[in-house]
Full PDB file with SEQRES, HELIX, SHEET, SSBOND, CRYST1, ORIGX, SCALE, CONECT and MASTER records, all heavy atoms in Angstrom:
SEQRES   1 A   42  ALA ALA ALA LEU GLY LEU GLY GLY LEU ALA LEU ALA ALA          
SEQRES   2 A   42  VAL ALA VAL HIS LEU LEU GLY ASP LEU PRO ALA ASN GLU          
SEQRES   3 A   42  PRO GLU LEU SER PRO LEU LEU LEU ALA SER GLY ALA LEU          
SEQRES   4 A   42  LEU GLY ALA                                                  
HELIX    1 AA1 ALA A    2  LEU A   18  1                                  17    
HELIX    2 AA2 PRO A   27  LEU A   29  5                                   3    
HELIX    3 AA3 SER A   30  GLY A   41  1                                  12    
CRYST1    1.000    1.000    1.000  90.00  90.00  90.00 P 1           1          
ORIGX1      1.000000  0.000000  0.000000        0.00000                         
ORIGX2      0.000000  1.000000  0.000000        0.00000                         
ORIGX3      0.000000  0.000000  1.000000        0.00000                         
SCALE1      1.000000  0.000000  0.000000        0.00000                         
SCALE2      0.000000  1.000000  0.000000        0.00000                         
SCALE3      0.000000  0.000000  1.000000        0.00000                         
ATOM      1  N   ALA A   1      51.551  21.473 -29.285  1.00  0.00           N  
ATOM      2  CA  ALA A   1      51.757  20.357 -30.219  1.00  0.00           C  
ATOM      3  C   ALA A   1      53.235  20.264 -30.646  1.00  0.00           C  
ATOM      4  O   ALA A   1      53.754  19.160 -30.731  1.00  0.00           O  
ATOM      5  CB  ALA A   1      50.891  20.636 -31.507  1.00  0.00           C  
ATOM      6  N   ALA A   2      53.862  21.422 -30.823  1.00  0.00           N  
ATOM      7  CA  ALA A   2      55.278  21.384 -31.178  1.00  0.00           C  
ATOM      8  C   ALA A   2      56.138  20.767 -30.051  1.00  0.00           C  
ATOM      9  O   ALA A   2      57.035  19.951 -30.274  1.00  0.00           O  
ATOM     10  CB  ALA A   2      55.756  22.780 -31.524  1.00  0.00           C  
ATOM     11  N   ALA A   3      55.795  21.208 -28.811  1.00  0.00           N  
ATOM     12  CA  ALA A   3      56.591  20.735 -27.664  1.00  0.00           C  
ATOM     13  C   ALA A   3      56.396  19.203 -27.483  1.00  0.00           C  
ATOM     14  O   ALA A   3      57.348  18.492 -27.270  1.00  0.00           O  
ATOM     15  CB  ALA A   3      56.139  21.464 -26.389  1.00  0.00           C  
ATOM     16  N   LEU A   4      55.125  18.768 -27.624  1.00  0.00           N  
ATOM     17  CA  LEU A   4      54.853  17.311 -27.502  1.00  0.00           C  
ATOM     18  C   LEU A   4      55.551  16.554 -28.670  1.00  0.00           C  
ATOM     19  O   LEU A   4      56.090  15.459 -28.434  1.00  0.00           O  
ATOM     20  CB  LEU A   4      53.370  17.081 -27.505  1.00  0.00           C  
ATOM     21  CG  LEU A   4      52.624  17.386 -26.212  1.00  0.00           C  
ATOM     22  CD1 LEU A   4      51.122  17.407 -26.476  1.00  0.00           C  
ATOM     23  CD2 LEU A   4      52.963  16.371 -25.163  1.00  0.00           C  
ATOM     24  N   GLY A   5      55.502  17.104 -29.855  1.00  0.00           N  
ATOM     25  CA  GLY A   5      56.137  16.438 -30.954  1.00  0.00           C  
ATOM     26  C   GLY A   5      57.623  16.309 -30.795  1.00  0.00           C  
ATOM     27  O   GLY A   5      58.211  15.222 -31.028  1.00  0.00           O  
ATOM     28  N   LEU A   6      58.287  17.386 -30.395  1.00  0.00           N  
ATOM     29  CA  LEU A   6      59.741  17.345 -30.179  1.00  0.00           C  
ATOM     30  C   LEU A   6      60.097  16.408 -29.032  1.00  0.00           C  
ATOM     31  O   LEU A   6      61.059  15.646 -29.142  1.00  0.00           O  
ATOM     32  CB  LEU A   6      60.271  18.753 -29.920  1.00  0.00           C  
ATOM     33  CG  LEU A   6      60.203  19.733 -31.108  1.00  0.00           C  
ATOM     34  CD1 LEU A   6      60.616  21.117 -30.659  1.00  0.00           C  
ATOM     35  CD2 LEU A   6      61.171  19.224 -32.215  1.00  0.00           C  
ATOM     36  N   GLY A   7      59.263  16.486 -27.962  1.00  0.00           N  
ATOM     37  CA  GLY A   7      59.520  15.561 -26.880  1.00  0.00           C  
ATOM     38  C   GLY A   7      59.363  14.153 -27.250  1.00  0.00           C  
ATOM     39  O   GLY A   7      60.175  13.266 -26.845  1.00  0.00           O  
ATOM     40  N   GLY A   8      58.326  13.838 -28.035  1.00  0.00           N  
ATOM     41  CA  GLY A   8      58.134  12.472 -28.484  1.00  0.00           C  
ATOM     42  C   GLY A   8      59.272  11.964 -29.376  1.00  0.00           C  
ATOM     43  O   GLY A   8      59.730  10.815 -29.237  1.00  0.00           O  
ATOM     44  N   LEU A   9      59.758  12.817 -30.279  1.00  0.00           N  
ATOM     45  CA  LEU A   9      60.878  12.463 -31.151  1.00  0.00           C  
ATOM     46  C   LEU A   9      62.142  12.192 -30.314  1.00  0.00           C  
ATOM     47  O   LEU A   9      62.905  11.243 -30.604  1.00  0.00           O  
ATOM     48  CB  LEU A   9      61.099  13.526 -32.167  1.00  0.00           C  
ATOM     49  CG  LEU A   9      60.037  13.663 -33.274  1.00  0.00           C  
ATOM     50  CD1 LEU A   9      60.340  14.824 -34.140  1.00  0.00           C  
ATOM     51  CD2 LEU A   9      59.930  12.370 -34.112  1.00  0.00           C  
ATOM     52  N   ALA A  10      62.390  13.051 -29.301  1.00  0.00           N  
ATOM     53  CA  ALA A  10      63.554  12.876 -28.452  1.00  0.00           C  
ATOM     54  C   ALA A  10      63.472  11.575 -27.669  1.00  0.00           C  
ATOM     55  O   ALA A  10      64.458  10.808 -27.593  1.00  0.00           O  
ATOM     56  CB  ALA A  10      63.657  14.058 -27.494  1.00  0.00           C  
ATOM     57  N   LEU A  11      62.308  11.277 -27.102  1.00  0.00           N  
ATOM     58  CA  LEU A  11      62.112   9.985 -26.407  1.00  0.00           C  
ATOM     59  C   LEU A  11      62.335   8.815 -27.331  1.00  0.00           C  
ATOM     60  O   LEU A  11      62.923   7.819 -26.944  1.00  0.00           O  
ATOM     61  CB  LEU A  11      60.724   9.981 -25.762  1.00  0.00           C  
ATOM     62  CG  LEU A  11      60.554  10.675 -24.446  1.00  0.00           C  
ATOM     63  CD1 LEU A  11      59.082  10.597 -24.037  1.00  0.00           C  
ATOM     64  CD2 LEU A  11      61.424  10.077 -23.353  1.00  0.00           C  
ATOM     65  N   ALA A  12      61.782   8.940 -28.538  1.00  0.00           N  
ATOM     66  CA  ALA A  12      61.957   7.855 -29.517  1.00  0.00           C  
ATOM     67  C   ALA A  12      63.397   7.618 -29.858  1.00  0.00           C  
ATOM     68  O   ALA A  12      63.894   6.472 -29.930  1.00  0.00           O  
ATOM     69  CB  ALA A  12      61.136   8.139 -30.785  1.00  0.00           C  
ATOM     70  N   ALA A  13      64.148   8.730 -29.962  1.00  0.00           N  
ATOM     71  CA  ALA A  13      65.610   8.573 -30.278  1.00  0.00           C  
ATOM     72  C   ALA A  13      66.330   7.896 -29.123  1.00  0.00           C  
ATOM     73  O   ALA A  13      67.196   6.987 -29.357  1.00  0.00           O  
ATOM     74  CB  ALA A  13      66.204   9.949 -30.525  1.00  0.00           C  
ATOM     75  N   VAL A  14      66.022   8.268 -27.891  1.00  0.00           N  
ATOM     76  CA  VAL A  14      66.620   7.611 -26.728  1.00  0.00           C  
ATOM     77  C   VAL A  14      66.264   6.171 -26.662  1.00  0.00           C  
ATOM     78  O   VAL A  14      67.113   5.264 -26.442  1.00  0.00           O  
ATOM     79  CB  VAL A  14      66.165   8.324 -25.445  1.00  0.00           C  
ATOM     80  CG1 VAL A  14      66.652   7.553 -24.211  1.00  0.00           C  
ATOM     81  CG2 VAL A  14      66.728   9.736 -25.371  1.00  0.00           C  
ATOM     82  N   ALA A  15      64.977   5.860 -26.940  1.00  0.00           N  
ATOM     83  CA  ALA A  15      64.544   4.460 -26.893  1.00  0.00           C  
ATOM     84  C   ALA A  15      65.189   3.618 -27.934  1.00  0.00           C  
ATOM     85  O   ALA A  15      65.647   2.480 -27.657  1.00  0.00           O  
ATOM     86  CB  ALA A  15      63.025   4.416 -27.037  1.00  0.00           C  
ATOM     87  N   VAL A  16      65.365   4.132 -29.173  1.00  0.00           N  
ATOM     88  CA  VAL A  16      66.053   3.390 -30.235  1.00  0.00           C  
ATOM     89  C   VAL A  16      67.504   3.154 -29.840  1.00  0.00           C  
ATOM     90  O   VAL A  16      68.063   2.047 -30.109  1.00  0.00           O  
ATOM     91  CB  VAL A  16      65.942   4.170 -31.532  1.00  0.00           C  
ATOM     92  CG1 VAL A  16      66.844   3.546 -32.622  1.00  0.00           C  
ATOM     93  CG2 VAL A  16      64.513   4.141 -32.045  1.00  0.00           C  
ATOM     94  N   HIS A  17      68.147   4.139 -29.243  1.00  0.00           N  
ATOM     95  CA  HIS A  17      69.531   3.987 -28.780  1.00  0.00           C  
ATOM     96  C   HIS A  17      69.657   2.858 -27.762  1.00  0.00           C  
ATOM     97  O   HIS A  17      70.667   2.161 -27.724  1.00  0.00           O  
ATOM     98  CB  HIS A  17      70.037   5.327 -28.195  1.00  0.00           C  
ATOM     99  CG  HIS A  17      71.418   5.238 -27.702  1.00  0.00           C  
ATOM    100  ND1 HIS A  17      72.520   5.129 -28.486  1.00  0.00           N  
ATOM    101  CD2 HIS A  17      71.895   5.227 -26.405  1.00  0.00           C  
ATOM    102  CE1 HIS A  17      73.641   5.061 -27.755  1.00  0.00           C  
ATOM    103  NE2 HIS A  17      73.278   5.124 -26.494  1.00  0.00           N  
ATOM    104  N   LEU A  18      68.654   2.703 -26.916  1.00  0.00           N  
ATOM    105  CA  LEU A  18      68.706   1.702 -25.866  1.00  0.00           C  
ATOM    106  C   LEU A  18      68.266   0.336 -26.313  1.00  0.00           C  
ATOM    107  O   LEU A  18      68.413  -0.635 -25.587  1.00  0.00           O  
ATOM    108  CB  LEU A  18      67.833   2.149 -24.674  1.00  0.00           C  
ATOM    109  CG  LEU A  18      68.282   3.405 -23.970  1.00  0.00           C  
ATOM    110  CD1 LEU A  18      67.240   3.784 -22.883  1.00  0.00           C  
ATOM    111  CD2 LEU A  18      69.638   3.229 -23.303  1.00  0.00           C  
ATOM    112  N   LEU A  19      67.609   0.254 -27.495  1.00  0.00           N  
ATOM    113  CA  LEU A  19      67.055  -1.023 -27.973  1.00  0.00           C  
ATOM    114  C   LEU A  19      68.069  -2.085 -28.170  1.00  0.00           C  
ATOM    115  O   LEU A  19      67.799  -3.262 -28.111  1.00  0.00           O  
ATOM    116  CB  LEU A  19      66.217  -0.801 -29.235  1.00  0.00           C  
ATOM    117  CG  LEU A  19      64.765  -0.436 -29.065  1.00  0.00           C  
ATOM    118  CD1 LEU A  19      64.091  -0.180 -30.395  1.00  0.00           C  
ATOM    119  CD2 LEU A  19      63.982  -1.507 -28.301  1.00  0.00           C  
ATOM    120  N   GLY A  20      69.348  -1.683 -28.447  1.00  0.00           N  
ATOM    121  CA  GLY A  20      70.357  -2.674 -28.793  1.00  0.00           C  
ATOM    122  C   GLY A  20      70.560  -3.751 -27.764  1.00  0.00           C  
ATOM    123  O   GLY A  20      70.578  -4.913 -28.050  1.00  0.00           O  
ATOM    124  N   ASP A  21      70.640  -3.303 -26.490  1.00  0.00           N  
ATOM    125  CA  ASP A  21      70.891  -4.321 -25.440  1.00  0.00           C  
ATOM    126  C   ASP A  21      69.766  -4.433 -24.441  1.00  0.00           C  
ATOM    127  O   ASP A  21      69.850  -5.232 -23.510  1.00  0.00           O  
ATOM    128  CB  ASP A  21      72.182  -3.993 -24.710  1.00  0.00           C  
ATOM    129  CG  ASP A  21      72.207  -2.567 -24.187  1.00  0.00           C  
ATOM    130  OD1 ASP A  21      71.167  -1.866 -24.293  1.00  0.00           O  
ATOM    131  OD2 ASP A  21      73.253  -2.106 -23.686  1.00  0.00           O  
ATOM    132  N   LEU A  22      68.645  -3.677 -24.632  1.00  0.00           N  
ATOM    133  CA  LEU A  22      67.496  -3.709 -23.736  1.00  0.00           C  
ATOM    134  C   LEU A  22      67.969  -3.780 -22.244  1.00  0.00           C  
ATOM    135  O   LEU A  22      67.722  -4.787 -21.531  1.00  0.00           O  
ATOM    136  CB  LEU A  22      66.622  -4.946 -24.042  1.00  0.00           C  
ATOM    137  CG  LEU A  22      65.873  -4.927 -25.360  1.00  0.00           C  
ATOM    138  CD1 LEU A  22      65.119  -6.211 -25.566  1.00  0.00           C  
ATOM    139  CD2 LEU A  22      64.865  -3.768 -25.342  1.00  0.00           C  
ATOM    140  N   PRO A  23      68.662  -2.738 -21.793  1.00  0.00           N  
ATOM    141  CA  PRO A  23      69.192  -2.782 -20.434  1.00  0.00           C  
ATOM    142  C   PRO A  23      68.115  -2.861 -19.394  1.00  0.00           C  
ATOM    143  O   PRO A  23      67.025  -2.324 -19.579  1.00  0.00           O  
ATOM    144  CB  PRO A  23      69.939  -1.459 -20.328  1.00  0.00           C  
ATOM    145  CG  PRO A  23      69.233  -0.558 -21.301  1.00  0.00           C  
ATOM    146  CD  PRO A  23      68.812  -1.441 -22.426  1.00  0.00           C  
ATOM    147  N   ALA A  24      68.381  -3.553 -18.316  1.00  0.00           N  
ATOM    148  CA  ALA A  24      67.446  -3.594 -17.194  1.00  0.00           C  
ATOM    149  C   ALA A  24      67.439  -2.222 -16.518  1.00  0.00           C  
ATOM    150  O   ALA A  24      68.442  -1.467 -16.539  1.00  0.00           O  
ATOM    151  CB  ALA A  24      67.890  -4.659 -16.203  1.00  0.00           C  
ATOM    152  N   ASN A  25      66.358  -1.904 -15.873  1.00  0.00           N  
ATOM    153  CA  ASN A  25      66.275  -0.606 -15.186  1.00  0.00           C  
ATOM    154  C   ASN A  25      67.164  -0.591 -13.959  1.00  0.00           C  
ATOM    155  O   ASN A  25      67.348  -1.581 -13.263  1.00  0.00           O  
ATOM    156  CB  ASN A  25      64.814  -0.374 -14.673  1.00  0.00           C  
ATOM    157  CG  ASN A  25      63.910  -0.177 -15.833  1.00  0.00           C  
ATOM    158  OD1 ASN A  25      64.302   0.232 -16.892  1.00  0.00           O  
ATOM    159  ND2 ASN A  25      62.625  -0.522 -15.639  1.00  0.00           N  
ATOM    160  N   GLU A  26      67.762   0.559 -13.724  1.00  0.00           N  
ATOM    161  CA  GLU A  26      68.471   0.741 -12.460  1.00  0.00           C  
ATOM    162  C   GLU A  26      67.457   0.755 -11.317  1.00  0.00           C  
ATOM    163  O   GLU A  26      66.413   1.383 -11.413  1.00  0.00           O  
ATOM    164  CB  GLU A  26      69.240   2.080 -12.479  1.00  0.00           C  
ATOM    165  CG  GLU A  26      70.350   2.125 -13.524  1.00  0.00           C  
ATOM    166  CD  GLU A  26      71.474   1.190 -13.215  1.00  0.00           C  
ATOM    167  OE1 GLU A  26      71.668   0.857 -12.036  1.00  0.00           O  
ATOM    168  OE2 GLU A  26      72.098   0.728 -14.202  1.00  0.00           O  
ATOM    169  N   PRO A  27      67.787   0.094 -10.175  1.00  0.00           N  
ATOM    170  CA  PRO A  27      66.823   0.004  -9.097  1.00  0.00           C  
ATOM    171  C   PRO A  27      66.330   1.363  -8.589  1.00  0.00           C  
ATOM    172  O   PRO A  27      65.148   1.511  -8.286  1.00  0.00           O  
ATOM    173  CB  PRO A  27      67.582  -0.731  -8.010  1.00  0.00           C  
ATOM    174  CG  PRO A  27      68.591  -1.517  -8.754  1.00  0.00           C  
ATOM    175  CD  PRO A  27      68.989  -0.679  -9.930  1.00  0.00           C  
ATOM    176  N   GLU A  28      67.234   2.368  -8.548  1.00  0.00           N  
ATOM    177  CA  GLU A  28      66.842   3.661  -8.030  1.00  0.00           C  
ATOM    178  C   GLU A  28      65.915   4.399  -8.984  1.00  0.00           C  
ATOM    179  O   GLU A  28      65.293   5.384  -8.589  1.00  0.00           O  
ATOM    180  CB  GLU A  28      68.086   4.511  -7.706  1.00  0.00           C  
ATOM    181  CG  GLU A  28      68.958   4.819  -8.906  1.00  0.00           C  
ATOM    182  CD  GLU A  28      70.052   3.760  -9.091  1.00  0.00           C  
ATOM    183  OE1 GLU A  28      69.903   2.652  -8.520  1.00  0.00           O  
ATOM    184  OE2 GLU A  28      71.009   4.067  -9.790  1.00  0.00           O  
ATOM    185  N   LEU A  29      65.841   3.956 -10.216  1.00  0.00           N  
ATOM    186  CA  LEU A  29      64.951   4.613 -11.216  1.00  0.00           C  
ATOM    187  C   LEU A  29      63.513   4.135 -11.107  1.00  0.00           C  
ATOM    188  O   LEU A  29      62.604   4.821 -11.519  1.00  0.00           O  
ATOM    189  CB  LEU A  29      65.494   4.294 -12.636  1.00  0.00           C  
ATOM    190  CG  LEU A  29      64.902   5.126 -13.791  1.00  0.00           C  
ATOM    191  CD1 LEU A  29      65.188   6.614 -13.597  1.00  0.00           C  
ATOM    192  CD2 LEU A  29      65.525   4.667 -15.107  1.00  0.00           C  
ATOM    193  N   SER A  30      63.321   2.953 -10.590  1.00  0.00           N  
ATOM    194  CA  SER A  30      61.993   2.340 -10.561  1.00  0.00           C  
ATOM    195  C   SER A  30      60.952   3.178  -9.788  1.00  0.00           C  
ATOM    196  O   SER A  30      59.826   3.339 -10.280  1.00  0.00           O  
ATOM    197  CB  SER A  30      62.060   0.944  -9.954  1.00  0.00           C  
ATOM    198  OG  SER A  30      62.798   0.074 -10.837  1.00  0.00           O  
ATOM    199  N   PRO A  31      61.272   3.729  -8.579  1.00  0.00           N  
ATOM    200  CA  PRO A  31      60.249   4.486  -7.903  1.00  0.00           C  
ATOM    201  C   PRO A  31      59.800   5.698  -8.672  1.00  0.00           C  
ATOM    202  O   PRO A  31      58.602   6.056  -8.686  1.00  0.00           O  
ATOM    203  CB  PRO A  31      60.991   4.921  -6.631  1.00  0.00           C  
ATOM    204  CG  PRO A  31      62.044   3.901  -6.388  1.00  0.00           C  
ATOM    205  CD  PRO A  31      62.483   3.514  -7.769  1.00  0.00           C  
ATOM    206  N   LEU A  32      60.736   6.363  -9.379  1.00  0.00           N  
ATOM    207  CA  LEU A  32      60.381   7.533 -10.197  1.00  0.00           C  
ATOM    208  C   LEU A  32      59.442   7.121 -11.324  1.00  0.00           C  
ATOM    209  O   LEU A  32      58.436   7.785 -11.634  1.00  0.00           O  
ATOM    210  CB  LEU A  32      61.601   8.182 -10.757  1.00  0.00           C  
ATOM    211  CG  LEU A  32      61.383   9.397 -11.698  1.00  0.00           C  
ATOM    212  CD1 LEU A  32      60.662  10.485 -10.962  1.00  0.00           C  
ATOM    213  CD2 LEU A  32      62.721   9.884 -12.263  1.00  0.00           C  
ATOM    214  N   LEU A  33      59.726   5.994 -12.004  1.00  0.00           N  
ATOM    215  CA  LEU A  33      58.910   5.526 -13.110  1.00  0.00           C  
ATOM    216  C   LEU A  33      57.542   5.135 -12.599  1.00  0.00           C  
ATOM    217  O   LEU A  33      56.510   5.434 -13.225  1.00  0.00           O  
ATOM    218  CB  LEU A  33      59.592   4.327 -13.810  1.00  0.00           C  
ATOM    219  CG  LEU A  33      60.855   4.628 -14.587  1.00  0.00           C  
ATOM    220  CD1 LEU A  33      61.542   3.326 -15.031  1.00  0.00           C  
ATOM    221  CD2 LEU A  33      60.553   5.512 -15.742  1.00  0.00           C  
ATOM    222  N   LEU A  34      57.489   4.460 -11.438  1.00  0.00           N  
ATOM    223  CA  LEU A  34      56.214   4.020 -10.898  1.00  0.00           C  
ATOM    224  C   LEU A  34      55.351   5.199 -10.517  1.00  0.00           C  
ATOM    225  O   LEU A  34      54.149   5.226 -10.828  1.00  0.00           O  
ATOM    226  CB  LEU A  34      56.447   3.125  -9.699  1.00  0.00           C  
ATOM    227  CG  LEU A  34      57.016   1.724  -9.992  1.00  0.00           C  
ATOM    228  CD1 LEU A  34      57.416   1.031  -8.709  1.00  0.00           C  
ATOM    229  CD2 LEU A  34      56.047   0.852 -10.756  1.00  0.00           C  
ATOM    230  N   ALA A  35      55.977   6.194  -9.891  1.00  0.00           N  
ATOM    231  CA  ALA A  35      55.219   7.376  -9.449  1.00  0.00           C  
ATOM    232  C   ALA A  35      54.720   8.139 -10.671  1.00  0.00           C  
ATOM    233  O   ALA A  35      53.563   8.613 -10.683  1.00  0.00           O  
ATOM    234  CB  ALA A  35      56.076   8.273  -8.583  1.00  0.00           C  
ATOM    235  N   SER A  36      55.585   8.316 -11.674  1.00  0.00           N  
ATOM    236  CA  SER A  36      55.191   9.040 -12.883  1.00  0.00           C  
ATOM    237  C   SER A  36      54.076   8.340 -13.624  1.00  0.00           C  
ATOM    238  O   SER A  36      53.134   8.953 -14.086  1.00  0.00           O  
ATOM    239  CB  SER A  36      56.401   9.228 -13.821  1.00  0.00           C  
ATOM    240  OG  SER A  36      57.423   9.958 -13.198  1.00  0.00           O  
ATOM    241  N   GLY A  37      54.200   7.007 -13.707  1.00  0.00           N  
ATOM    242  CA  GLY A  37      53.143   6.245 -14.395  1.00  0.00           C  
ATOM    243  C   GLY A  37      51.786   6.346 -13.702  1.00  0.00           C  
ATOM    244  O   GLY A  37      50.756   6.504 -14.294  1.00  0.00           O  
ATOM    245  N   ALA A  38      51.828   6.218 -12.355  1.00  0.00           N  
ATOM    246  CA  ALA A  38      50.595   6.353 -11.570  1.00  0.00           C  
ATOM    247  C   ALA A  38      49.955   7.715 -11.716  1.00  0.00           C  
ATOM    248  O   ALA A  38      48.730   7.872 -11.826  1.00  0.00           O  
ATOM    249  CB  ALA A  38      50.849   5.996 -10.109  1.00  0.00           C  
ATOM    250  N   LEU A  39      50.793   8.790 -11.725  1.00  0.00           N  
ATOM    251  CA  LEU A  39      50.303  10.124 -11.830  1.00  0.00           C  
ATOM    252  C   LEU A  39      49.662  10.369 -13.218  1.00  0.00           C  
ATOM    253  O   LEU A  39      48.555  10.896 -13.324  1.00  0.00           O  
ATOM    254  CB  LEU A  39      51.417  11.125 -11.604  1.00  0.00           C  
ATOM    255  CG  LEU A  39      51.054  12.637 -11.711  1.00  0.00           C  
ATOM    256  CD1 LEU A  39      49.985  12.987 -10.686  1.00  0.00           C  
ATOM    257  CD2 LEU A  39      52.272  13.490 -11.589  1.00  0.00           C  
ATOM    258  N   LEU A  40      50.320   9.951 -14.289  1.00  0.00           N  
ATOM    259  CA  LEU A  40      49.809  10.119 -15.631  1.00  0.00           C  
ATOM    260  C   LEU A  40      48.455   9.376 -15.815  1.00  0.00           C  
ATOM    261  O   LEU A  40      47.526   9.837 -16.369  1.00  0.00           O  
ATOM    262  CB  LEU A  40      50.812   9.713 -16.684  1.00  0.00           C  
ATOM    263  CG  LEU A  40      52.015  10.632 -16.898  1.00  0.00           C  
ATOM    264  CD1 LEU A  40      52.918  10.067 -17.943  1.00  0.00           C  
ATOM    265  CD2 LEU A  40      51.573  12.050 -17.287  1.00  0.00           C  
ATOM    266  N   GLY A  41      48.471   8.126 -15.308  1.00  0.00           N  
ATOM    267  CA  GLY A  41      47.234   7.328 -15.437  1.00  0.00           C  
ATOM    268  C   GLY A  41      46.078   7.951 -14.661  1.00  0.00           C  
ATOM    269  O   GLY A  41      44.951   7.967 -15.140  1.00  0.00           O  
ATOM    270  N   ALA A  42      46.376   8.434 -13.452  1.00  0.00           N  
ATOM    271  CA  ALA A  42      45.317   9.025 -12.641  1.00  0.00           C  
ATOM    272  C   ALA A  42      44.748  10.327 -13.308  1.00  0.00           C  
ATOM    273  O   ALA A  42      43.522  10.526 -13.344  1.00  0.00           O  
ATOM    274  CB  ALA A  42      45.834   9.368 -11.253  1.00  0.00           C  
TER     275      ALA A  42                                                      
MASTER        0    0    0    3    0    0    0    6  274    1    0    4          
END                                                                             
């Protein structure tokens, strides 16, 4: 629970930092995101 909580807060901090300009994804990042999303969903 502690690890998930700290990880969630860290992700939230990164997301808030990026919210200002809503940058588009780097093309090389997309395969990693797609693979991670498919794995978690499965």
